[in-house]
Protein backbone atom coordinates (compact mmCIF):
# COMPACT_ATOMS: atom_id res chain seq x y z
CA MET A 1 55.29 89.77 52.75
CA ARG A 2 56.61 90.36 56.29
CA ILE A 3 57.89 87.32 58.21
CA GLY A 4 58.94 87.38 61.88
CA PHE A 5 61.19 84.80 63.53
CA ILE A 6 61.17 84.58 67.34
CA GLY A 7 64.03 82.98 69.25
CA GLU A 8 67.63 83.25 70.32
CA CYS A 9 70.75 83.99 68.30
CA MET A 10 74.11 83.20 69.88
CA ALA A 11 77.76 83.60 69.06
CA GLU A 12 78.96 80.43 67.35
CA LEU A 13 82.47 79.00 67.61
CA LYS A 14 83.53 76.34 65.11
CA LYS A 15 86.79 74.92 63.84
CA VAL A 16 87.37 75.12 60.09
CA ASP A 17 90.61 73.74 58.64
CA GLY A 18 92.08 73.69 62.12
CA VAL A 19 91.24 77.34 62.85
CA LEU A 20 88.62 78.36 65.42
CA SER A 21 86.29 80.97 63.93
CA GLU A 22 83.38 83.04 65.24
CA GLY A 23 79.94 83.48 63.74
CA PHE A 24 76.35 83.98 64.88
CA ALA A 25 73.51 81.47 64.72
CA GLY A 26 70.40 80.05 66.35
CA ASP A 27 67.63 77.87 64.93
CA THR A 28 65.00 80.51 64.12
CA PHE A 29 67.67 83.08 63.28
CA ASN A 30 69.17 80.69 60.75
CA SER A 31 65.72 80.24 59.22
CA ALA A 32 65.34 84.01 58.95
CA VAL A 33 68.67 84.24 57.12
CA TYR A 34 67.92 81.47 54.65
CA LEU A 35 64.44 82.80 53.92
CA LYS A 36 65.80 86.27 53.19
CA ARG A 37 68.70 85.01 51.07
CA THR A 38 66.39 82.78 49.03
CA PHE A 39 63.47 85.21 48.74
CA PRO A 40 64.99 88.72 48.95
CA GLU A 41 61.64 90.28 48.08
CA PHE A 42 60.30 89.26 51.53
CA GLU A 43 60.88 91.33 54.65
CA SER A 44 62.51 89.18 57.35
CA TYR A 45 62.46 90.25 61.02
CA PHE A 46 64.29 88.68 63.95
CA ILE A 47 62.47 89.08 67.27
CA SER A 48 64.63 88.62 70.37
CA ALA A 49 66.96 90.44 72.76
CA VAL A 50 70.70 90.95 73.08
CA GLY A 51 72.95 92.58 75.64
CA ALA A 52 74.80 95.87 75.59
CA ASP A 53 78.15 94.08 75.21
CA VAL A 54 80.38 94.29 72.14
CA LEU A 55 79.60 90.74 71.04
CA SER A 56 75.88 91.54 71.08
CA GLN A 57 76.39 94.61 68.96
CA GLU A 58 78.43 92.57 66.48
CA MET A 59 75.49 90.19 66.26
CA VAL A 60 73.10 93.08 65.55
CA ALA A 61 75.45 94.32 62.82
CA PHE A 62 75.55 90.83 61.31
CA THR A 63 71.75 90.69 61.37
CA ARG A 64 71.55 93.91 59.41
CA SER A 65 74.27 92.78 57.01
CA GLU A 66 71.94 89.91 56.08
CA SER A 67 69.17 92.46 55.32
CA ILE A 68 67.16 91.21 58.30
CA ASP A 69 65.22 93.95 60.05
CA ALA A 70 66.46 94.40 63.64
CA ARG A 71 63.75 96.75 64.91
CA PHE A 72 62.43 93.99 67.20
CA LEU A 73 65.89 92.99 68.41
CA PHE A 74 65.84 94.64 71.83
CA THR A 75 68.78 95.47 74.11
CA HIS A 76 68.85 94.35 77.73
CA PRO A 77 71.19 96.56 79.83
CA GLU A 78 72.35 93.77 82.18
CA LYS A 79 72.37 90.58 80.08
CA HIS A 80 74.58 89.44 77.23
CA LEU A 81 74.68 87.25 74.14
CA GLY A 82 74.74 83.47 74.54
CA LEU A 83 77.67 81.44 73.17
CA TYR A 84 78.09 77.89 71.90
CA ARG A 85 80.82 75.71 70.41
CA ILE A 86 80.15 73.18 67.62
CA TYR A 87 81.96 69.85 67.43
CA THR A 88 81.46 67.60 64.37
CA ASP A 89 82.43 63.97 63.84
CA ASP A 90 83.63 62.27 60.65
CA GLN A 91 80.02 61.80 59.46
CA GLY A 92 79.13 65.47 59.90
CA GLU A 93 77.02 64.83 63.01
CA ARG A 94 77.34 67.59 65.56
CA SER A 95 77.46 68.13 69.31
CA PHE A 96 77.47 71.37 71.25
CA THR A 97 78.71 73.03 74.41
CA TYR A 98 76.64 76.07 75.50
CA TRP A 99 77.17 79.16 77.64
CA ARG A 100 73.71 80.78 77.70
CA ASN A 101 72.43 80.93 81.31
CA ASP A 102 72.52 84.74 81.34
CA SER A 103 71.35 85.24 77.75
CA ALA A 104 69.28 88.37 77.09
CA ALA A 105 66.97 86.35 74.83
CA LYS A 106 65.51 84.62 77.89
CA CYS A 107 63.70 87.79 78.91
CA PHE A 108 62.84 89.51 75.63
CA MET A 109 59.12 89.50 76.53
CA SER A 110 59.82 91.90 79.40
CA LEU A 111 61.28 94.42 76.91
CA LEU A 112 58.19 94.55 74.67
CA LYS A 113 56.21 97.78 74.87
CA PRO A 114 52.60 98.27 73.69
CA ASP A 115 53.81 100.06 70.54
CA ASP A 116 56.08 97.12 69.74
CA ILE A 117 53.20 94.67 70.03
CA SER A 118 51.06 96.85 67.77
CA SER A 119 53.85 96.87 65.19
CA LEU A 120 54.18 93.08 65.40
CA GLU A 121 50.51 92.81 64.44
CA ASP A 122 51.50 94.01 60.96
CA LEU A 123 53.49 90.81 60.30
CA ASP A 124 52.08 88.28 57.85
CA ALA A 125 53.67 85.22 59.48
CA ILE A 126 55.50 84.27 62.66
CA LEU A 127 57.80 81.28 63.18
CA PHE A 128 58.93 80.02 66.57
CA SER A 129 60.30 76.72 67.85
CA GLY A 130 60.60 74.46 70.85
CA ILE A 131 63.94 76.13 71.53
CA THR A 132 62.18 79.50 71.63
CA LEU A 133 59.85 78.12 74.31
CA ALA A 134 62.69 76.48 76.25
CA VAL A 135 64.89 79.56 76.31
CA LEU A 136 62.18 81.92 77.58
CA HIS A 137 61.81 82.28 81.33
CA GLN A 138 59.01 79.90 82.23
CA TYR A 139 57.05 82.60 84.06
CA GLU A 140 56.83 84.51 80.76
CA LEU A 141 55.36 81.63 78.73
CA ASN A 142 51.72 82.59 79.37
CA GLU A 143 52.49 86.10 78.19
CA PHE A 144 54.28 84.70 75.14
CA PHE A 145 51.34 82.50 74.14
CA SER A 146 49.00 85.46 74.62
CA LEU A 147 51.18 87.44 72.21
CA VAL A 148 51.14 84.65 69.62
CA ASN A 149 47.37 84.34 69.95
CA ARG A 150 46.99 88.09 69.45
CA LEU A 151 49.15 87.96 66.32
CA LYS A 152 47.09 85.04 65.01
CA GLU A 153 43.89 87.00 65.58
CA SER A 154 45.47 89.89 63.66
CA GLY A 155 45.84 87.62 60.64
CA ALA A 156 49.40 86.30 60.95
CA THR A 157 50.12 82.72 59.90
CA ILE A 158 51.61 80.94 62.92
CA VAL A 159 54.41 78.45 62.21
CA PHE A 160 55.86 76.07 64.81
CA ASP A 161 58.76 73.63 64.69
CA ILE A 162 59.02 71.46 67.81
CA ASN A 163 62.84 71.14 67.41
CA HIS A 164 63.08 69.53 70.85
CA ARG A 165 66.31 69.85 72.85
CA PRO A 166 66.07 67.70 76.01
CA ALA A 167 68.94 69.49 77.78
CA LEU A 168 66.91 72.74 77.82
CA TRP A 169 63.99 71.27 79.75
CA LYS A 170 63.68 70.11 83.34
CA GLY A 171 61.02 67.44 82.87
CA ARG A 172 59.08 65.62 80.17
CA ASP A 173 55.56 66.25 81.53
CA ASP A 174 55.94 70.03 81.57
CA VAL A 175 57.26 70.17 78.03
CA LEU A 176 54.45 68.06 76.57
CA ALA A 177 51.80 70.45 77.85
CA ILE A 178 53.72 73.46 76.52
CA TYR A 179 54.17 71.92 73.08
CA GLU A 180 50.46 71.14 72.88
CA ARG A 181 49.69 74.81 73.53
CA ALA A 182 51.90 75.62 70.56
CA PHE A 183 50.16 73.03 68.36
CA ASP A 184 46.82 74.59 69.30
CA LEU A 185 47.94 77.94 67.89
CA ALA A 186 49.94 76.79 64.86
CA ASP A 187 48.62 77.06 61.31
CA ILE A 188 51.70 75.30 59.92
CA THR A 189 53.81 72.88 61.92
CA LEU A 190 57.09 71.26 60.88
CA PRO A 191 57.75 68.37 63.29
CA GLY A 192 60.41 65.70 63.02
CA VAL A 193 59.78 62.03 63.72
CA GLU A 194 62.93 62.01 65.87
CA ASP A 195 61.39 64.57 68.25
CA PHE A 196 58.25 62.48 68.67
CA ASN A 197 60.30 59.34 69.16
CA PHE A 198 62.09 60.93 72.10
CA LEU A 199 58.99 62.50 73.64
CA TYR A 200 56.30 59.89 72.95
CA GLY A 201 58.11 56.78 71.77
CA PHE A 202 56.70 57.08 68.24
CA SER A 203 58.78 55.51 65.49
CA THR A 204 56.60 56.03 62.41
CA VAL A 205 55.13 58.94 60.51
CA GLN A 206 51.68 57.38 60.86
CA GLU A 207 51.87 57.62 64.67
CA VAL A 208 52.79 61.30 64.43
CA VAL A 209 49.90 61.96 62.03
CA ARG A 210 47.42 60.24 64.35
CA PHE A 211 48.68 62.16 67.38
CA LEU A 212 48.40 65.53 65.61
CA ALA A 213 45.02 64.78 63.99
CA PRO A 214 42.96 66.61 66.69
CA PHE A 215 44.82 69.87 66.02
CA LYS A 216 43.64 72.15 63.22
CA PHE A 217 46.56 72.86 60.89
CA LYS A 218 46.45 74.40 57.43
CA GLN A 219 49.58 72.41 56.61
CA LEU A 220 51.48 69.68 58.44
CA VAL A 221 55.03 68.94 57.23
CA ILE A 222 56.61 65.89 58.86
CA LYS A 223 60.37 65.52 58.47
CA ASN A 224 61.99 62.12 58.86
CA GLY A 225 65.73 62.54 58.37
CA SER A 226 66.73 61.57 54.83
CA GLU A 227 63.43 59.72 54.32
CA ALA A 228 60.45 61.20 52.46
CA VAL A 229 58.72 64.29 53.87
CA THR A 230 55.03 63.67 54.62
CA LEU A 231 52.47 66.40 53.93
CA VAL A 232 48.99 66.57 55.44
CA ASP A 233 46.68 69.40 54.39
CA GLU A 234 43.74 70.86 56.32
CA GLN A 235 41.33 68.38 54.70
CA GLY A 236 43.47 65.49 55.94
CA ASN A 237 44.87 64.58 52.53
CA THR A 238 48.30 62.95 52.83
CA SER A 239 51.15 62.90 50.32
CA GLN A 240 54.88 62.25 50.36
CA VAL A 241 57.86 64.04 48.85
CA THR A 242 60.87 61.82 48.18
CA LEU A 243 64.23 63.41 48.99
CA THR A 244 67.53 63.02 47.14
CA PRO A 245 70.22 61.93 49.64
CA VAL A 246 73.37 64.02 50.01
CA SER A 247 76.63 62.06 49.95
CA ASN A 248 79.10 64.78 50.94
CA VAL A 249 77.82 65.63 54.43
CA VAL A 250 80.14 68.05 56.25
CA ASP A 251 77.99 69.55 59.02
CA THR A 252 74.29 68.91 59.70
CA THR A 253 74.01 71.79 62.18
CA SER A 254 71.47 73.89 60.28
CA ALA A 255 69.74 71.40 57.99
CA GLY A 256 66.31 71.78 59.59
CA ASP A 257 66.68 75.54 60.01
CA ALA A 258 67.46 76.06 56.33
CA PHE A 259 64.61 73.74 55.38
CA ASN A 260 62.14 75.68 57.55
CA GLY A 261 63.12 79.11 56.24
CA VAL A 262 63.05 78.13 52.58
CA PHE A 263 59.88 76.06 52.92
CA LEU A 264 58.07 78.92 54.62
CA GLY A 265 59.13 81.46 52.01
CA ALA A 266 58.25 79.16 49.11
CA TYR A 267 54.92 78.14 50.62
CA LEU A 268 53.82 81.69 51.39
CA LYS A 269 54.76 82.66 47.84
CA SER A 270 53.15 79.74 45.99
CA ASN A 271 50.77 77.98 48.41
CA ASN A 272 52.17 74.74 46.95
CA ALA A 273 53.49 72.56 49.76
CA TYR A 274 54.95 69.87 47.48
CA GLU A 275 57.08 72.27 45.43
CA SER A 276 58.04 74.15 48.59
CA VAL A 277 59.45 70.94 50.12
CA ILE A 278 61.45 70.28 46.94
CA LYS A 279 63.06 73.73 47.15
CA ALA A 280 63.61 73.52 50.90
CA SER A 281 65.24 70.08 50.72
CA LYS A 282 67.60 71.24 47.93
CA CYS A 283 68.71 74.17 50.05
CA ALA A 284 69.09 72.07 53.21
CA GLY A 285 71.13 69.53 51.23
CA PHE A 286 73.43 72.29 50.04
CA VAL A 287 73.83 73.77 53.53
CA ILE A 288 74.94 70.49 55.13
CA GLN A 289 77.81 70.26 52.65
CA HIS A 290 79.41 73.29 54.34
CA PRO A 291 80.71 73.87 57.89
CA GLY A 292 78.74 75.89 60.43
CA ALA A 293 75.10 76.91 60.61
CA ILE A 294 75.19 79.72 58.04
CA VAL A 295 76.93 79.22 54.71
CA ASP A 296 78.98 82.03 53.20
CA ALA A 297 76.48 84.45 51.66
CA ASN A 298 78.00 84.63 48.18
CA THR A 299 78.36 80.85 48.00
CA TYR A 300 74.73 80.35 48.98
CA ARG A 301 73.32 82.99 46.64
CA LEU A 302 75.25 81.50 43.72
CA PHE A 303 73.66 78.12 44.55
CA VAL A 304 70.19 79.71 44.60
CA ARG A 305 70.70 81.37 41.22
CA GLN A 306 71.94 78.16 39.64
CA SER A 307 69.69 75.58 41.31
CA LEU A 308 66.29 77.04 42.25
């Protein structure tokens, strides 16, 4: 099974035990890492662009160290890697400062060649997010959606997580139309009630389900913080998966990313959405008990062996 993740990976700065450390992370990149760590039999690809700078090359090396295929991680000769700093409060909630205006990931579509697109058609699934759409240059969005449509027609399962970040968008009206284009193409979507509350004023899962009813999904997975996850299949059948709350929350930075990666891997392997949510929520709960977006590899793999 070959899974592609489209988006941006940046250098990550975080303070651990009073020491500022460097790592690499980004929402879809994090999902690629957690899918590969949890399901090593899958092939995980990260699709983006980096610069020719040293930091970018360190990021590429990190990607490969996680056994993620970097063949679709293109190099832009004039751009560089984005950077962000995480700040967490006493409850583990996070805030960020970004330096990404000249990020190479913004223009990765311009680096795609016909042979690259043909190779992408061999992927079994593609995941992208609202951040993917926000980071791309807006004049490349039509080309991006054409690519996703082509991959869907080639048989790839299209997965979309709205993961809305207001600071990345200029206006609400533009973003709503763009998200609806993504919903039109998605086979699986993983929205959060919080995103719909900000964009549409919805406060309940039922409102989200009604809004998304006209779209044709194979599987809808609605996240609602620590509350139950709601599943809606392609026949419209609805069920809920109760989550076990985590008491020792250290850093919620990558909770949704870990959930998405593990859910996707488990679902593609078993076609059982309920059990896939159980596995994904366990992994997300483990991740938020550790600082930063990506948990130490050995620590995470030990958890997988003991708990999944």
